[in-house]
Amino acid sequence: MKRTILILAALMLSPLESFIAADSPISHRVLCTDYKGNRVVILSATGDIEWEFPANTPQDCWLLPNGNVLFSQITGAAEVTMDKKVVWEYKAPAKAKVHSCQPLPDGNVLVSECFMSRIVVVGRDGSVVKEMPIKSASLNNHQFRGARRTIDGHYWVCLMDEKKVAELDVNGSLLREIPFDGHPLEAVKLPNGHLIVTLWDKSHVVELDENLKTVWEITEKELPGNPLQIPVGIHRLPNGNTIIGNYLGHGFEGKQPMVFEVTPEKKVVWEFADHTRFKTTCQMQILDVPADATKGEVLR
């Protein structure tokens, strides 16, 4: 009962009180995408909007070591300074739909393109320097979601409609496909070799070991006050906690926290709910954990 009261009260708080400490004093500075709000936002630990920039249905976002923000939007990707100057941009082909991006160590950017059956590496001049075709039977907006390159140079791609995650080698050749009972939106390879995946239609987050055995998971109704609706982004923190972006579109708008942090023991220790200023959140990066996104140190 106490937990329920805390969450209901949080929905009536002022913007500065939008970050809720769930039985602990944890707070976070956060970069996130407001998908239906058509913007990318940096929030202070007290819930103030420190910075925002308009974007066309953005999903992915990164804070770079130079202080700039990299984000994907449906038409491509862009890097923007804190004074809101676009310093790099990739415009995808007209028929492509982009849902993810990632900064790479050499300054290039990894971009996934639905309808195009490919992921691409884009150079600093905005042109494609490497193209990796992805065998896919789906040719629509649900073809791909999350795409990531790991520190070993391999690529991981969520083939959403086909219910599988593909691993490619450094040259883009297919190494294996991992099937799931659900549509994967994000797959993050962890330093210990585990793979953590969000399955949106199953309202499920699952962590697999090197043998693809489930070692940790959160199911739809497992967290009191925080049922999974459409889990999208995940950020595994150094302390072992996991940040989950819980997309509240498709009829779930305004009904519960949008982002929350859960311990390995499945205790919710922090959550964010601001239905007055935000519509939906997809991806996020916790900014008070020192890490270089270009070196694979941000596990999301």
C-alpha atoms as a PDB file:
ATOM      1  CA  MET A   1       0.000   0.000   0.000  1.00  0.00           C
ATOM      2  CA  LYS A   2       2.817   2.433   0.854  1.00  0.00           C
ATOM      3  CA  ARG A   3       4.443   1.793  -2.529  1.00  0.00           C
ATOM      4  CA  THR A   4       1.182   2.495  -4.374  1.00  0.00           C
ATOM      5  CA  ILE A   5       0.645   5.769  -2.534  1.00  0.00           C
ATOM      6  CA  LEU A   6       4.154   6.943  -3.406  1.00  0.00           C
ATOM      7  CA  ILE A   7       3.620   6.382  -7.119  1.00  0.00           C
ATOM      8  CA  LEU A   8       0.180   8.020  -7.225  1.00  0.00           C
ATOM      9  CA  ALA A   9       1.492  11.019  -5.354  1.00  0.00           C
ATOM     10  CA  ALA A  10       4.429  11.333  -7.693  1.00  0.00           C
ATOM     11  CA  LEU A  11       2.161  11.903 -10.675  1.00  0.00           C
ATOM     12  CA  MET A  12       0.899  15.104  -9.015  1.00  0.00           C
ATOM     13  CA  LEU A  13       4.311  16.528  -8.167  1.00  0.00           C
ATOM     14  CA  SER A  14       5.785  19.690  -9.620  1.00  0.00           C
ATOM     15  CA  PRO A  15       8.451  19.361 -12.353  1.00  0.00           C
ATOM     16  CA  LEU A  16      11.244  19.755  -9.805  1.00  0.00           C
ATOM     17  CA  GLU A  17       9.840  16.781  -7.943  1.00  0.00           C
ATOM     18  CA  SER A  18       9.355  14.505 -10.922  1.00  0.00           C
ATOM     19  CA  PHE A  19      12.275  12.277  -9.963  1.00  0.00           C
ATOM     20  CA  ILE A  20      11.021   9.910  -7.302  1.00  0.00           C
ATOM     21  CA  ALA A  21      13.257   8.294  -4.726  1.00  0.00           C
ATOM     22  CA  ALA A  22      11.736   4.854  -4.236  1.00  0.00           C
ATOM     23  CA  ASP A  23      12.754   4.011  -0.683  1.00  0.00           C
ATOM     24  CA  SER A  24      16.225   5.531  -1.279  1.00  0.00           C
ATOM     25  CA  PRO A  25      17.833   8.928  -1.981  1.00  0.00           C
ATOM     26  CA  ILE A  26      19.008   7.957  -5.471  1.00  0.00           C
ATOM     27  CA  SER A  27      18.689  10.620  -8.169  1.00  0.00           C
ATOM     28  CA  HIS A  28      20.111  10.886 -11.656  1.00  0.00           C
ATOM     29  CA  ARG A  29      20.946  13.405 -14.337  1.00  0.00           C
ATOM     30  CA  VAL A  30      19.572  11.912 -17.537  1.00  0.00           C
ATOM     31  CA  LEU A  31      19.666  12.315 -21.301  1.00  0.00           C
ATOM     32  CA  CYS A  32      16.525  10.909 -22.927  1.00  0.00           C
ATOM     33  CA  THR A  33      14.426  10.935 -26.063  1.00  0.00           C
ATOM     34  CA  ASP A  34      10.798  12.082 -25.901  1.00  0.00           C
ATOM     35  CA  TYR A  35       9.563  10.134 -28.921  1.00  0.00           C
ATOM     36  CA  LYS A  36       6.048  11.555 -29.219  1.00  0.00           C
ATOM     37  CA  GLY A  37       7.228  14.912 -27.904  1.00  0.00           C
ATOM     38  CA  ASN A  38       9.663  15.181 -30.848  1.00  0.00           C
ATOM     39  CA  ARG A  39      12.666  16.266 -28.807  1.00  0.00           C
ATOM     40  CA  VAL A  40      15.828  15.174 -27.046  1.00  0.00           C
ATOM     41  CA  VAL A  41      16.214  16.354 -23.447  1.00  0.00           C
ATOM     42  CA  ILE A  42      18.789  16.558 -20.653  1.00  0.00           C
ATOM     43  CA  LEU A  43      17.220  16.554 -17.196  1.00  0.00           C
ATOM     44  CA  SER A  44      18.963  17.534 -13.991  1.00  0.00           C
ATOM     45  CA  ALA A  45      18.866  15.275 -10.940  1.00  0.00           C
ATOM     46  CA  THR A  46      16.012  17.426  -9.612  1.00  0.00           C
ATOM     47  CA  GLY A  47      13.963  17.206 -12.796  1.00  0.00           C
ATOM     48  CA  ASP A  48      14.808  20.558 -14.382  1.00  0.00           C
ATOM     49  CA  ILE A  49      15.119  20.626 -18.153  1.00  0.00           C
ATOM     50  CA  GLU A  50      18.737  21.715 -18.660  1.00  0.00           C
ATOM     51  CA  TRP A  51      18.763  21.350 -22.429  1.00  0.00           C
ATOM     52  CA  GLU A  52      16.439  20.261 -25.214  1.00  0.00           C
ATOM     53  CA  PHE A  53      16.513  20.075 -28.970  1.00  0.00           C
ATOM     54  CA  PRO A  54      13.750  19.306 -31.495  1.00  0.00           C
ATOM     55  CA  ALA A  55      13.911  15.998 -33.349  1.00  0.00           C
ATOM     56  CA  ASN A  56      11.576  13.985 -35.540  1.00  0.00           C
ATOM     57  CA  THR A  57      10.385  11.025 -33.436  1.00  0.00           C
ATOM     58  CA  PRO A  58      13.826  10.375 -31.880  1.00  0.00           C
ATOM     59  CA  GLN A  59      14.650   7.051 -30.263  1.00  0.00           C
ATOM     60  CA  ASP A  60      18.388   6.741 -29.585  1.00  0.00           C
ATOM     61  CA  CYS A  61      20.651   9.283 -27.844  1.00  0.00           C
ATOM     62  CA  TRP A  62      24.200   9.645 -26.489  1.00  0.00           C
ATOM     63  CA  LEU A  63      26.187  12.262 -24.600  1.00  0.00           C
ATOM     64  CA  LEU A  64      29.619  12.445 -26.226  1.00  0.00           C
ATOM     65  CA  PRO A  65      32.945  13.152 -24.457  1.00  0.00           C
ATOM     66  CA  ASN A  66      33.061  16.600 -26.120  1.00  0.00           C
ATOM     67  CA  GLY A  67      29.781  17.535 -24.427  1.00  0.00           C
ATOM     68  CA  ASN A  68      27.682  17.273 -27.582  1.00  0.00           C
ATOM     69  CA  VAL A  69      24.561  15.130 -27.961  1.00  0.00           C
ATOM     70  CA  LEU A  70      24.224  12.519 -30.689  1.00  0.00           C
ATOM     71  CA  PHE A  71      20.728  11.278 -31.474  1.00  0.00           C
ATOM     72  CA  SER A  72      18.822   9.350 -34.097  1.00  0.00           C
ATOM     73  CA  GLN A  73      15.584  10.524 -35.634  1.00  0.00           C
ATOM     74  CA  ILE A  74      13.373   8.939 -38.239  1.00  0.00           C
ATOM     75  CA  THR A  75      15.217  10.694 -41.088  1.00  0.00           C
ATOM     76  CA  GLY A  76      18.777  10.010 -39.922  1.00  0.00           C
ATOM     77  CA  ALA A  77      21.049  11.180 -37.108  1.00  0.00           C
ATOM     78  CA  ALA A  78      22.632  14.395 -35.849  1.00  0.00           C
ATOM     79  CA  GLU A  79      25.218  15.723 -33.387  1.00  0.00           C
ATOM     80  CA  VAL A  80      24.301  18.960 -31.633  1.00  0.00           C
ATOM     81  CA  THR A  81      26.252  21.221 -29.267  1.00  0.00           C
ATOM     82  CA  MET A  82      24.995  22.595 -25.972  1.00  0.00           C
ATOM     83  CA  ASP A  83      24.391  25.938 -27.709  1.00  0.00           C
ATOM     84  CA  LYS A  84      22.167  24.011 -30.153  1.00  0.00           C
ATOM     85  CA  LYS A  85      24.360  24.115 -33.212  1.00  0.00           C
ATOM     86  CA  VAL A  86      24.227  21.092 -35.530  1.00  0.00           C
ATOM     87  CA  VAL A  87      27.877  20.120 -36.130  1.00  0.00           C
ATOM     88  CA  TRP A  88      27.285  16.788 -37.855  1.00  0.00           C
ATOM     89  CA  GLU A  89      24.322  15.263 -39.651  1.00  0.00           C
ATOM     90  CA  TYR A  90      23.422  12.163 -41.596  1.00  0.00           C
ATOM     91  CA  LYS A  91      20.384  12.221 -43.853  1.00  0.00           C
ATOM     92  CA  ALA A  92      19.249   8.695 -44.610  1.00  0.00           C
ATOM     93  CA  PRO A  93      17.776   7.736 -47.991  1.00  0.00           C
ATOM     94  CA  ALA A  94      14.206   8.942 -48.449  1.00  0.00           C
ATOM     95  CA  LYS A  95      12.621   5.516 -47.979  1.00  0.00           C
ATOM     96  CA  ALA A  96      14.697   4.639 -44.893  1.00  0.00           C
ATOM     97  CA  LYS A  97      13.452   4.888 -41.315  1.00  0.00           C
ATOM     98  CA  VAL A  98      16.114   5.249 -38.622  1.00  0.00           C
ATOM     99  CA  HIS A  99      15.600   4.130 -35.026  1.00  0.00           C
ATOM    100  CA  SER A 100      19.122   3.755 -33.620  1.00  0.00           C
ATOM    101  CA  CYS A 101      22.620   5.195 -33.759  1.00  0.00           C
ATOM    102  CA  GLN A 102      25.898   4.763 -31.880  1.00  0.00           C
ATOM    103  CA  PRO A 103      29.107   6.838 -31.698  1.00  0.00           C
ATOM    104  CA  LEU A 104      32.234   4.911 -32.651  1.00  0.00           C
ATOM    105  CA  PRO A 105      35.830   5.459 -31.430  1.00  0.00           C
ATOM    106  CA  ASP A 106      37.039   6.984 -34.711  1.00  0.00           C
ATOM    107  CA  GLY A 107      34.318   9.625 -34.747  1.00  0.00           C
ATOM    108  CA  ASN A 108      32.112   7.742 -37.178  1.00  0.00           C
ATOM    109  CA  VAL A 109      28.535   6.809 -36.343  1.00  0.00           C
ATOM    110  CA  LEU A 110      26.693   3.499 -36.658  1.00  0.00           C
ATOM    111  CA  VAL A 111      23.147   3.854 -38.024  1.00  0.00           C
ATOM    112  CA  SER A 112      20.455   1.227 -38.676  1.00  0.00           C
ATOM    113  CA  GLU A 113      18.014   1.747 -41.535  1.00  0.00           C
ATOM    114  CA  CYS A 114      14.617   0.065 -41.771  1.00  0.00           C
ATOM    115  CA  PHE A 115      13.342  -0.632 -45.311  1.00  0.00           C
ATOM    116  CA  MET A 116      16.980  -0.661 -46.505  1.00  0.00           C
ATOM    117  CA  SER A 117      18.042  -4.070 -45.107  1.00  0.00           C
ATOM    118  CA  ARG A 118      21.313  -2.593 -43.900  1.00  0.00           C
ATOM    119  CA  ILE A 119      23.265  -0.954 -41.141  1.00  0.00           C
ATOM    120  CA  VAL A 120      25.826   1.674 -42.105  1.00  0.00           C
ATOM    121  CA  VAL A 121      28.851   3.424 -40.672  1.00  0.00           C
ATOM    122  CA  VAL A 122      28.716   7.129 -41.468  1.00  0.00           C
ATOM    123  CA  GLY A 123      31.792   9.350 -41.668  1.00  0.00           C
ATOM    124  CA  ARG A 124      32.323  12.867 -40.407  1.00  0.00           C
ATOM    125  CA  ASP A 125      31.319  14.274 -43.788  1.00  0.00           C
ATOM    126  CA  GLY A 126      27.900  12.628 -43.503  1.00  0.00           C
ATOM    127  CA  SER A 127      28.576  10.011 -46.163  1.00  0.00           C
ATOM    128  CA  VAL A 128      28.413   6.228 -45.803  1.00  0.00           C
ATOM    129  CA  VAL A 129      31.906   4.745 -45.371  1.00  0.00           C
ATOM    130  CA  LYS A 130      30.788   1.185 -44.676  1.00  0.00           C
ATOM    131  CA  GLU A 131      27.586  -0.639 -45.593  1.00  0.00           C
ATOM    132  CA  MET A 132      26.593  -3.966 -44.069  1.00  0.00           C
ATOM    133  CA  PRO A 133      23.593  -5.689 -45.658  1.00  0.00           C
ATOM    134  CA  ILE A 134      21.393  -7.595 -43.225  1.00  0.00           C
ATOM    135  CA  LYS A 135      19.456 -10.588 -44.491  1.00  0.00           C
ATOM    136  CA  SER A 136      15.883  -9.869 -43.518  1.00  0.00           C
ATOM    137  CA  ALA A 137      12.489 -11.153 -44.598  1.00  0.00           C
ATOM    138  CA  SER A 138      10.830  -8.038 -43.191  1.00  0.00           C
ATOM    139  CA  LEU A 139      10.844  -4.900 -45.319  1.00  0.00           C
ATOM    140  CA  ASN A 140       8.932  -2.418 -43.186  1.00  0.00           C
ATOM    141  CA  ASN A 141       9.341   0.008 -40.288  1.00  0.00           C
ATOM    142  CA  HIS A 142       9.744  -2.909 -37.864  1.00  0.00           C
ATOM    143  CA  GLN A 143      12.658  -4.424 -39.746  1.00  0.00           C
ATOM    144  CA  PHE A 144      15.315  -3.230 -37.287  1.00  0.00           C
ATOM    145  CA  ARG A 145      15.458  -1.525 -33.929  1.00  0.00           C
ATOM    146  CA  GLY A 146      18.594  -1.405 -31.771  1.00  0.00           C
ATOM    147  CA  ALA A 147      21.988  -1.827 -33.446  1.00  0.00           C
ATOM    148  CA  ARG A 148      25.285  -1.767 -31.537  1.00  0.00           C
ATOM    149  CA  ARG A 149      28.987  -2.379 -32.127  1.00  0.00           C
ATOM    150  CA  THR A 150      30.869  -3.950 -29.225  1.00  0.00           C
ATOM    151  CA  ILE A 151      34.504  -3.383 -28.272  1.00  0.00           C
ATOM    152  CA  ASP A 152      35.524  -6.546 -30.155  1.00  0.00           C
ATOM    153  CA  GLY A 153      34.236  -4.950 -33.371  1.00  0.00           C
ATOM    154  CA  HIS A 154      31.196  -7.189 -33.695  1.00  0.00           C
ATOM    155  CA  TYR A 155      27.758  -5.812 -34.537  1.00  0.00           C
ATOM    156  CA  TRP A 156      24.503  -6.737 -32.827  1.00  0.00           C
ATOM    157  CA  VAL A 157      21.223  -6.004 -34.585  1.00  0.00           C
ATOM    158  CA  CYS A 158      17.650  -6.496 -33.361  1.00  0.00           C
ATOM    159  CA  LEU A 159      15.557  -7.921 -36.204  1.00  0.00           C
ATOM    160  CA  MET A 160      12.322  -6.955 -34.561  1.00  0.00           C
ATOM    161  CA  ASP A 161       9.669  -8.541 -36.778  1.00  0.00           C
ATOM    162  CA  GLU A 162      11.643 -11.758 -37.140  1.00  0.00           C
ATOM    163  CA  LYS A 163      12.012 -12.195 -33.382  1.00  0.00           C
ATOM    164  CA  LYS A 164      15.754 -12.604 -33.387  1.00  0.00           C
ATOM    165  CA  VAL A 165      19.037 -10.826 -32.710  1.00  0.00           C
ATOM    166  CA  ALA A 166      21.848 -11.133 -35.236  1.00  0.00           C
ATOM    167  CA  GLU A 167      25.574 -11.014 -34.461  1.00  0.00           C
ATOM    168  CA  LEU A 168      27.910  -9.918 -37.279  1.00  0.00           C
ATOM    169  CA  ASP A 169      31.694  -9.993 -37.391  1.00  0.00           C
ATOM    170  CA  VAL A 170      33.966  -7.004 -37.992  1.00  0.00           C
ATOM    171  CA  ASN A 171      33.327  -7.197 -41.735  1.00  0.00           C
ATOM    172  CA  GLY A 172      29.562  -7.446 -41.388  1.00  0.00           C
ATOM    173  CA  SER A 173      29.313 -11.173 -42.098  1.00  0.00           C
ATOM    174  CA  LEU A 174      26.657 -13.071 -40.181  1.00  0.00           C
ATOM    175  CA  LEU A 175      28.017 -15.118 -37.280  1.00  0.00           C
ATOM    176  CA  ARG A 176      24.773 -16.280 -35.708  1.00  0.00           C
ATOM    177  CA  GLU A 177      21.127 -15.479 -35.093  1.00  0.00           C
ATOM    178  CA  ILE A 178      19.583 -15.810 -31.650  1.00  0.00           C
ATOM    179  CA  PRO A 179      15.808 -16.446 -31.649  1.00  0.00           C
ATOM    180  CA  PHE A 180      13.515 -14.978 -28.995  1.00  0.00           C
ATOM    181  CA  ASP A 181       9.944 -15.517 -27.954  1.00  0.00           C
ATOM    182  CA  GLY A 182       9.091 -11.903 -28.660  1.00  0.00           C
ATOM    183  CA  HIS A 183      10.118  -8.836 -30.654  1.00  0.00           C
ATOM    184  CA  PRO A 184      13.529  -7.492 -29.542  1.00  0.00           C
ATOM    185  CA  LEU A 185      14.013  -3.732 -29.428  1.00  0.00           C
ATOM    186  CA  GLU A 186      17.394  -3.454 -27.697  1.00  0.00           C
ATOM    187  CA  ALA A 187      20.264  -5.895 -27.217  1.00  0.00           C
ATOM    188  CA  VAL A 188      23.324  -4.941 -25.149  1.00  0.00           C
ATOM    189  CA  LYS A 189      26.406  -7.141 -24.879  1.00  0.00           C
ATOM    190  CA  LEU A 190      27.887  -6.877 -21.382  1.00  0.00           C
ATOM    191  CA  PRO A 191      31.602  -7.150 -20.474  1.00  0.00           C
ATOM    192  CA  ASN A 192      31.013 -10.543 -18.822  1.00  0.00           C
ATOM    193  CA  GLY A 193      29.739 -11.949 -22.133  1.00  0.00           C
ATOM    194  CA  HIS A 194      26.090 -11.803 -21.193  1.00  0.00           C
ATOM    195  CA  LEU A 195      23.429 -10.330 -23.476  1.00  0.00           C
ATOM    196  CA  ILE A 196      20.545  -8.281 -22.107  1.00  0.00           C
ATOM    197  CA  VAL A 197      17.516  -7.826 -24.350  1.00  0.00           C
ATOM    198  CA  THR A 198      14.169  -6.022 -24.211  1.00  0.00           C
ATOM    199  CA  LEU A 199      11.162  -7.744 -25.781  1.00  0.00           C
ATOM    200  CA  TRP A 200       8.442  -5.202 -26.323  1.00  0.00           C
ATOM    201  CA  ASP A 201       5.437  -7.387 -27.163  1.00  0.00           C
ATOM    202  CA  LYS A 202       6.166  -9.734 -24.266  1.00  0.00           C
ATOM    203  CA  SER A 203       6.779  -6.905 -21.754  1.00  0.00           C
ATOM    204  CA  HIS A 204       9.958  -8.740 -20.821  1.00  0.00           C
ATOM    205  CA  VAL A 205      13.610  -7.943 -20.097  1.00  0.00           C
ATOM    206  CA  VAL A 206      15.938 -10.940 -20.194  1.00  0.00           C
ATOM    207  CA  GLU A 207      19.669 -11.475 -19.595  1.00  0.00           C
ATOM    208  CA  LEU A 208      21.352 -14.490 -21.174  1.00  0.00           C
ATOM    209  CA  ASP A 209      24.768 -15.948 -20.414  1.00  0.00           C
ATOM    210  CA  GLU A 210      27.296 -17.138 -23.031  1.00  0.00           C
ATOM    211  CA  ASN A 211      25.332 -20.379 -23.400  1.00  0.00           C
ATOM    212  CA  LEU A 212      22.076 -18.459 -23.933  1.00  0.00           C
ATOM    213  CA  LYS A 213      20.756 -19.556 -20.561  1.00  0.00           C
ATOM    214  CA  THR A 214      18.517 -17.060 -18.774  1.00  0.00           C
ATOM    215  CA  VAL A 215      20.354 -15.743 -15.709  1.00  0.00           C
ATOM    216  CA  TRP A 216      18.174 -12.711 -14.924  1.00  0.00           C
ATOM    217  CA  GLU A 217      14.842 -11.404 -16.123  1.00  0.00           C
ATOM    218  CA  ILE A 218      11.927  -9.135 -15.361  1.00  0.00           C
ATOM    219  CA  THR A 219       8.485 -10.185 -16.492  1.00  0.00           C
ATOM    220  CA  GLU A 220       5.457  -7.988 -17.095  1.00  0.00           C
ATOM    221  CA  LYS A 221       3.839  -7.902 -13.646  1.00  0.00           C
ATOM    222  CA  GLU A 222       6.869  -8.695 -11.505  1.00  0.00           C
ATOM    223  CA  LEU A 223       7.594  -5.172 -10.194  1.00  0.00           C
ATOM    224  CA  PRO A 224       4.806  -3.724  -8.036  1.00  0.00           C
ATOM    225  CA  GLY A 225       3.888  -0.262  -9.311  1.00  0.00           C
ATOM    226  CA  ASN A 226       6.090  -0.658 -12.394  1.00  0.00           C
ATOM    227  CA  PRO A 227       4.522  -3.186 -14.744  1.00  0.00           C
ATOM    228  CA  LEU A 228       6.438  -3.443 -17.990  1.00  0.00           C
ATOM    229  CA  GLN A 229       4.457  -2.074 -20.903  1.00  0.00           C
ATOM    230  CA  ILE A 230       6.828  -1.679 -23.856  1.00  0.00           C
ATOM    231  CA  PRO A 231      10.407  -1.925 -22.537  1.00  0.00           C
ATOM    232  CA  VAL A 232      12.694  -0.182 -25.024  1.00  0.00           C
ATOM    233  CA  GLY A 233      16.007   1.268 -23.828  1.00  0.00           C
ATOM    234  CA  ILE A 234      18.214  -0.270 -21.147  1.00  0.00           C
ATOM    235  CA  HIS A 235      21.346   1.025 -19.437  1.00  0.00           C
ATOM    236  CA  ARG A 236      23.304  -1.347 -17.205  1.00  0.00           C
ATOM    237  CA  LEU A 237      25.125   0.654 -14.529  1.00  0.00           C
ATOM    238  CA  PRO A 238      28.509  -0.228 -12.967  1.00  0.00           C
ATOM    239  CA  ASN A 239      26.801  -1.139  -9.673  1.00  0.00           C
ATOM    240  CA  GLY A 240      24.780  -3.841 -11.449  1.00  0.00           C
ATOM    241  CA  ASN A 241      21.514  -1.938 -11.461  1.00  0.00           C
ATOM    242  CA  THR A 242      19.552  -1.650 -14.700  1.00  0.00           C
ATOM    243  CA  ILE A 243      17.768   1.422 -16.026  1.00  0.00           C
ATOM    244  CA  ILE A 244      14.710   0.557 -18.122  1.00  0.00           C
ATOM    245  CA  GLY A 245      12.880   2.895 -20.476  1.00  0.00           C
ATOM    246  CA  ASN A 246       9.223   1.874 -20.343  1.00  0.00           C
ATOM    247  CA  TYR A 247       7.523   3.259 -23.457  1.00  0.00           C
ATOM    248  CA  LEU A 248       3.959   4.236 -22.589  1.00  0.00           C
ATOM    249  CA  GLY A 249       2.480   4.623 -26.055  1.00  0.00           C
ATOM    250  CA  HIS A 250      -0.326   2.469 -27.468  1.00  0.00           C
ATOM    251  CA  GLY A 251      -2.818   3.396 -24.758  1.00  0.00           C
ATOM    252  CA  PHE A 252      -0.539   3.417 -21.721  1.00  0.00           C
ATOM    253  CA  GLU A 253       0.185   7.158 -21.717  1.00  0.00           C
ATOM    254  CA  GLY A 254       0.144   8.840 -18.318  1.00  0.00           C
ATOM    255  CA  LYS A 255      -0.396   5.703 -16.292  1.00  0.00           C
ATOM    256  CA  GLN A 256       2.941   4.993 -14.585  1.00  0.00           C
ATOM    257  CA  PRO A 257       6.653   5.901 -14.415  1.00  0.00           C
ATOM    258  CA  MET A 258       8.412   6.204 -17.775  1.00  0.00           C
ATOM    259  CA  VAL A 259      11.922   5.246 -16.636  1.00  0.00           C
ATOM    260  CA  PHE A 260      13.022   3.321 -13.569  1.00  0.00           C
ATOM    261  CA  GLU A 261      16.070   1.732 -11.990  1.00  0.00           C
ATOM    262  CA  VAL A 262      15.974  -1.793 -10.613  1.00  0.00           C
ATOM    263  CA  THR A 263      18.591  -3.709  -8.627  1.00  0.00           C
ATOM    264  CA  PRO A 264      19.731  -7.265  -9.441  1.00  0.00           C
ATOM    265  CA  GLU A 265      17.378  -8.317  -6.626  1.00  0.00           C
ATOM    266  CA  LYS A 266      14.532  -6.591  -8.539  1.00  0.00           C
ATOM    267  CA  LYS A 267      13.993  -3.740  -6.139  1.00  0.00           C
ATOM    268  CA  VAL A 268      12.992  -0.439  -7.750  1.00  0.00           C
ATOM    269  CA  VAL A 269      15.260   2.254  -6.300  1.00  0.00           C
ATOM    270  CA  TRP A 270      14.556   5.195  -8.614  1.00  0.00           C
ATOM    271  CA  GLU A 271      11.926   6.183 -11.137  1.00  0.00           C
ATOM    272  CA  PHE A 272      10.882   9.087 -13.331  1.00  0.00           C
ATOM    273  CA  ALA A 273       7.315  10.130 -14.055  1.00  0.00           C
ATOM    274  CA  ASP A 274       6.478  13.487 -15.582  1.00  0.00           C
ATOM    275  CA  HIS A 275       3.353  13.155 -17.676  1.00  0.00           C
ATOM    276  CA  THR A 276       2.826  16.901 -17.771  1.00  0.00           C
ATOM    277  CA  ARG A 277       5.965  17.781 -19.724  1.00  0.00           C
ATOM    278  CA  PHE A 278       6.744  14.445 -21.393  1.00  0.00           C
ATOM    279  CA  LYS A 279       4.752  12.211 -23.685  1.00  0.00           C
ATOM    280  CA  THR A 280       6.846   9.064 -24.119  1.00  0.00           C
ATOM    281  CA  THR A 281      10.449   8.050 -23.522  1.00  0.00           C
ATOM    282  CA  CYS A 282      12.427   5.439 -25.472  1.00  0.00           C
ATOM    283  CA  GLN A 283      16.164   5.533 -24.883  1.00  0.00           C
ATOM    284  CA  MET A 284      18.156   7.163 -22.095  1.00  0.00           C
ATOM    285  CA  GLN A 285      21.706   7.575 -20.803  1.00  0.00           C
ATOM    286  CA  ILE A 286      22.420   8.113 -17.115  1.00  0.00           C
ATOM    287  CA  LEU A 287      24.899  10.995 -17.045  1.00  0.00           C
ATOM    288  CA  ASP A 288      26.196  10.906 -13.478  1.00  0.00           C
ATOM    289  CA  VAL A 289      28.129   7.688 -14.153  1.00  0.00           C
ATOM    290  CA  PRO A 290      31.527   8.600 -15.686  1.00  0.00           C
ATOM    291  CA  ALA A 291      31.978   6.742 -18.973  1.00  0.00           C
ATOM    292  CA  ASP A 292      33.060   7.375 -22.553  1.00  0.00           C
ATOM    293  CA  ALA A 293      30.281   6.479 -24.983  1.00  0.00           C
ATOM    294  CA  THR A 294      32.711   6.297 -27.913  1.00  0.00           C
ATOM    295  CA  LYS A 295      34.753   3.548 -26.230  1.00  0.00           C
ATOM    296  CA  GLY A 296      31.912   1.197 -25.412  1.00  0.00           C
ATOM    297  CA  GLU A 297      31.951   2.136 -21.733  1.00  0.00           C
ATOM    298  CA  VAL A 298      28.262   3.112 -21.660  1.00  0.00           C
ATOM    299  CA  LEU A 299      26.421  -0.200 -21.517  1.00  0.00           C
ATOM    300  CA  ARG A 300      23.268   0.613 -23.406  1.00  0.00           C
END
